[in-house]
């Protein structure tokens, strides 16, 4: 699994989510788009989680480039963004058909989405009965997001189509 995210806060939150929900999944992190592309080539991960707004190369350009790359093939792709739905318009070309997780909803939406992607690739490997416990460490990380997110910009996330 490769997370391409420049925010240390969100890197840590995803790390915590994976440690609790998918402890057997190896998570690699790149802090910018260029490093993310290099990591993709080296790791050839099963899933890439990419932020839209990145230094170096934005996530939308990266998504478009990855889709055209022969190594991308069956790699799962998830986009993270702090942009609400109204502000994503200029990235619509890149986001078409890609599950998008709005960062204020990351704790609730990302783990089941990743589990679904992995269960499609490896049906016997993902434990469907796992559940995130509301540990104090995760609760503090989640609450930090909720406090940082302006509530007037929260828009319900679109449902992710089932494959």
Protein backbone atom coordinates (compact mmCIF):
# COMPACT_ATOMS: atom_id res chain seq x y z
CA UNK A 1 0.00 0.00 0.00
CA UNK A 2 1.33 3.45 -0.89
CA UNK A 3 0.02 6.66 0.69
CA UNK A 4 1.04 9.84 -1.12
CA UNK A 5 0.16 12.62 1.30
CA UNK A 6 2.04 15.76 2.34
CA UNK A 7 0.28 16.34 5.66
CA UNK A 8 2.09 14.69 8.59
CA UNK A 9 -1.22 14.70 10.51
CA UNK A 10 -3.03 12.68 7.83
CA UNK A 11 -0.03 10.39 7.34
CA UNK A 12 -0.19 9.54 11.04
CA UNK A 13 -3.95 9.10 11.00
CA UNK A 14 -3.78 6.66 8.08
CA UNK A 15 -0.90 4.84 9.80
CA UNK A 16 -3.10 4.44 12.92
CA UNK A 17 -6.07 3.24 10.90
CA UNK A 18 -3.98 0.64 9.14
CA UNK A 19 -2.33 -0.51 12.35
CA UNK A 20 -5.76 -1.13 13.87
CA UNK A 21 -7.80 -2.29 10.90
CA UNK A 22 -5.27 -3.88 8.53
CA UNK A 23 -2.21 -4.74 10.62
CA UNK A 24 -0.80 -7.17 8.05
CA UNK A 25 -0.78 -4.58 5.26
CA UNK A 26 2.56 -2.90 4.65
CA UNK A 27 2.04 0.86 4.35
CA UNK A 28 4.62 3.05 2.60
CA UNK A 29 4.37 6.83 2.67
CA UNK A 30 5.58 9.47 0.23
CA UNK A 31 5.27 13.15 1.13
CA UNK A 32 5.09 14.63 -2.36
CA UNK A 33 4.08 13.69 -5.88
CA UNK A 34 7.55 13.15 -7.31
CA UNK A 35 8.59 10.85 -4.46
CA UNK A 36 5.23 9.12 -4.81
CA UNK A 37 5.83 8.35 -8.48
CA UNK A 38 9.31 6.99 -7.73
CA UNK A 39 7.89 4.89 -4.87
CA UNK A 40 5.15 3.57 -7.14
CA UNK A 41 7.75 2.38 -9.66
CA UNK A 42 9.85 0.72 -6.97
CA UNK A 43 7.08 -0.81 -4.89
CA UNK A 44 4.36 -1.56 -7.45
CA UNK A 45 1.77 -1.48 -4.64
CA UNK A 46 -1.63 -3.13 -4.67
CA UNK A 47 -3.31 0.16 -3.74
CA UNK A 48 -2.32 3.81 -3.98
CA UNK A 49 -3.98 6.41 -1.78
CA UNK A 50 -3.19 9.86 -3.15
CA UNK A 51 -3.99 13.38 -2.02
CA UNK A 52 -5.14 15.77 -4.74
CA UNK A 53 -3.19 18.80 -3.52
CA UNK A 54 0.47 17.80 -3.35
CA UNK A 55 3.76 19.63 -3.71
CA UNK A 56 5.86 18.74 -6.76
CA UNK A 57 3.10 17.29 -8.91
CA UNK A 58 -0.55 17.51 -8.02
CA UNK A 59 -2.54 14.37 -7.34
CA UNK A 60 -4.80 14.86 -10.36
CA UNK A 61 -1.84 14.89 -12.75
CA UNK A 62 -0.42 11.88 -10.96
CA UNK A 63 -3.69 9.97 -11.29
CA UNK A 64 -3.80 10.68 -15.01
CA UNK A 65 -0.17 9.64 -15.47
CA UNK A 66 -0.60 6.46 -13.45
CA UNK A 67 -3.64 5.40 -15.42
CA UNK A 68 -1.55 5.51 -18.59
CA UNK A 69 1.40 3.60 -17.07
CA UNK A 70 1.66 -0.08 -17.99
CA UNK A 71 2.62 -1.05 -14.42
CA UNK A 72 -0.56 0.53 -13.05
CA UNK A 73 -2.74 -2.30 -14.38
CA UNK A 74 -4.79 -3.73 -11.54
CA UNK A 75 -3.56 -1.34 -8.89
CA UNK A 76 -6.34 0.03 -6.71
CA UNK A 77 -6.60 3.80 -6.47
CA UNK A 78 -8.20 6.03 -3.86
CA UNK A 79 -8.08 9.82 -3.79
CA UNK A 80 -8.02 11.79 -0.54
CA UNK A 81 -8.90 15.45 -0.54
CA UNK A 82 -9.70 18.31 1.76
CA UNK A 83 -11.58 19.90 -1.15
CA UNK A 84 -15.32 19.65 -0.82
CA UNK A 85 -17.32 18.45 -3.78
CA UNK A 86 -17.95 21.94 -5.15
CA UNK A 87 -14.20 22.71 -5.21
CA UNK A 88 -13.26 19.48 -7.03
CA UNK A 89 -14.66 20.60 -10.38
CA UNK A 90 -11.31 21.43 -11.97
CA UNK A 91 -10.11 17.90 -11.13
CA UNK A 92 -13.18 16.07 -12.46
CA UNK A 93 -11.26 14.71 -15.47
CA UNK A 94 -8.88 12.87 -13.15
CA UNK A 95 -11.43 11.79 -10.55
CA UNK A 96 -13.85 10.08 -12.92
CA UNK A 97 -14.37 6.51 -11.75
CA UNK A 98 -12.01 6.92 -8.77
CA UNK A 99 -13.30 6.61 -5.21
CA UNK A 100 -12.82 9.94 -3.41
CA UNK A 101 -12.60 10.24 0.37
CA UNK A 102 -13.17 13.71 1.81
CA UNK A 103 -10.61 14.10 4.59
CA UNK A 104 -13.13 15.04 7.31
CA UNK A 105 -14.69 11.59 6.69
CA UNK A 106 -11.41 9.67 6.41
CA UNK A 107 -11.75 7.65 9.61
CA UNK A 108 -15.22 6.41 8.68
CA UNK A 109 -14.79 5.91 4.92
CA UNK A 110 -11.20 4.91 4.15
CA UNK A 111 -10.86 1.59 6.04
CA UNK A 112 -13.94 -0.10 4.54
CA UNK A 113 -13.01 1.18 1.09
CA UNK A 114 -9.48 -0.25 1.36
CA UNK A 115 -10.87 -3.52 2.74
CA UNK A 116 -13.24 -3.75 -0.23
CA UNK A 117 -10.43 -3.11 -2.74
CA UNK A 118 -8.17 -5.67 -1.06
CA UNK A 119 -10.95 -8.23 -0.75
CA UNK A 120 -11.52 -7.98 -4.51
CA UNK A 121 -7.81 -8.63 -5.15
CA UNK A 122 -7.30 -11.19 -2.37
CA UNK A 123 -10.70 -12.62 -1.37
CA UNK A 124 -9.31 -14.93 1.35
CA UNK A 125 -6.92 -12.44 2.95
CA UNK A 126 -9.20 -9.72 4.38
CA UNK A 127 -11.07 -10.42 7.60
CA UNK A 128 -14.52 -8.96 7.02
CA UNK A 129 -15.34 -9.09 10.73
CA UNK A 130 -12.61 -6.63 11.73
CA UNK A 131 -13.75 -3.39 13.26
CA UNK A 132 -11.95 -0.25 14.28
CA UNK A 133 -11.95 0.17 18.01
CA UNK A 134 -12.42 3.70 19.22
CA UNK A 135 -9.05 3.81 20.95
CA UNK A 136 -7.99 7.03 22.62
CA UNK A 137 -5.11 7.39 20.13
CA UNK A 138 -7.44 7.13 17.14
CA UNK A 139 -10.11 9.29 18.80
CA UNK A 140 -7.57 12.09 19.36
CA UNK A 141 -6.40 11.89 15.73
CA UNK A 142 -9.98 11.87 14.43
CA UNK A 143 -11.03 14.74 16.67
CA UNK A 144 -8.07 16.76 15.44
CA UNK A 145 -9.47 16.45 11.91
CA UNK A 146 -12.95 17.43 12.97
CA UNK A 147 -11.67 20.50 14.79
CA UNK A 148 -9.48 21.52 11.85
CA UNK A 149 -12.20 21.10 9.23
CA UNK A 150 -14.49 24.10 8.74
CA UNK A 151 -17.99 22.77 9.26
CA UNK A 152 -19.53 25.06 6.65
CA UNK A 153 -17.58 23.20 3.96
CA UNK A 154 -18.58 19.66 4.90
CA UNK A 155 -20.56 17.99 2.16
CA UNK A 156 -21.74 14.40 2.29
CA UNK A 157 -19.33 12.23 0.32
CA UNK A 158 -20.63 10.55 -2.81
CA UNK A 159 -21.33 6.90 -2.46
CA UNK A 160 -18.54 4.78 -3.90
CA UNK A 161 -19.94 2.49 -6.61
CA UNK A 162 -19.68 -1.21 -5.88
CA UNK A 163 -17.71 -3.19 -8.45
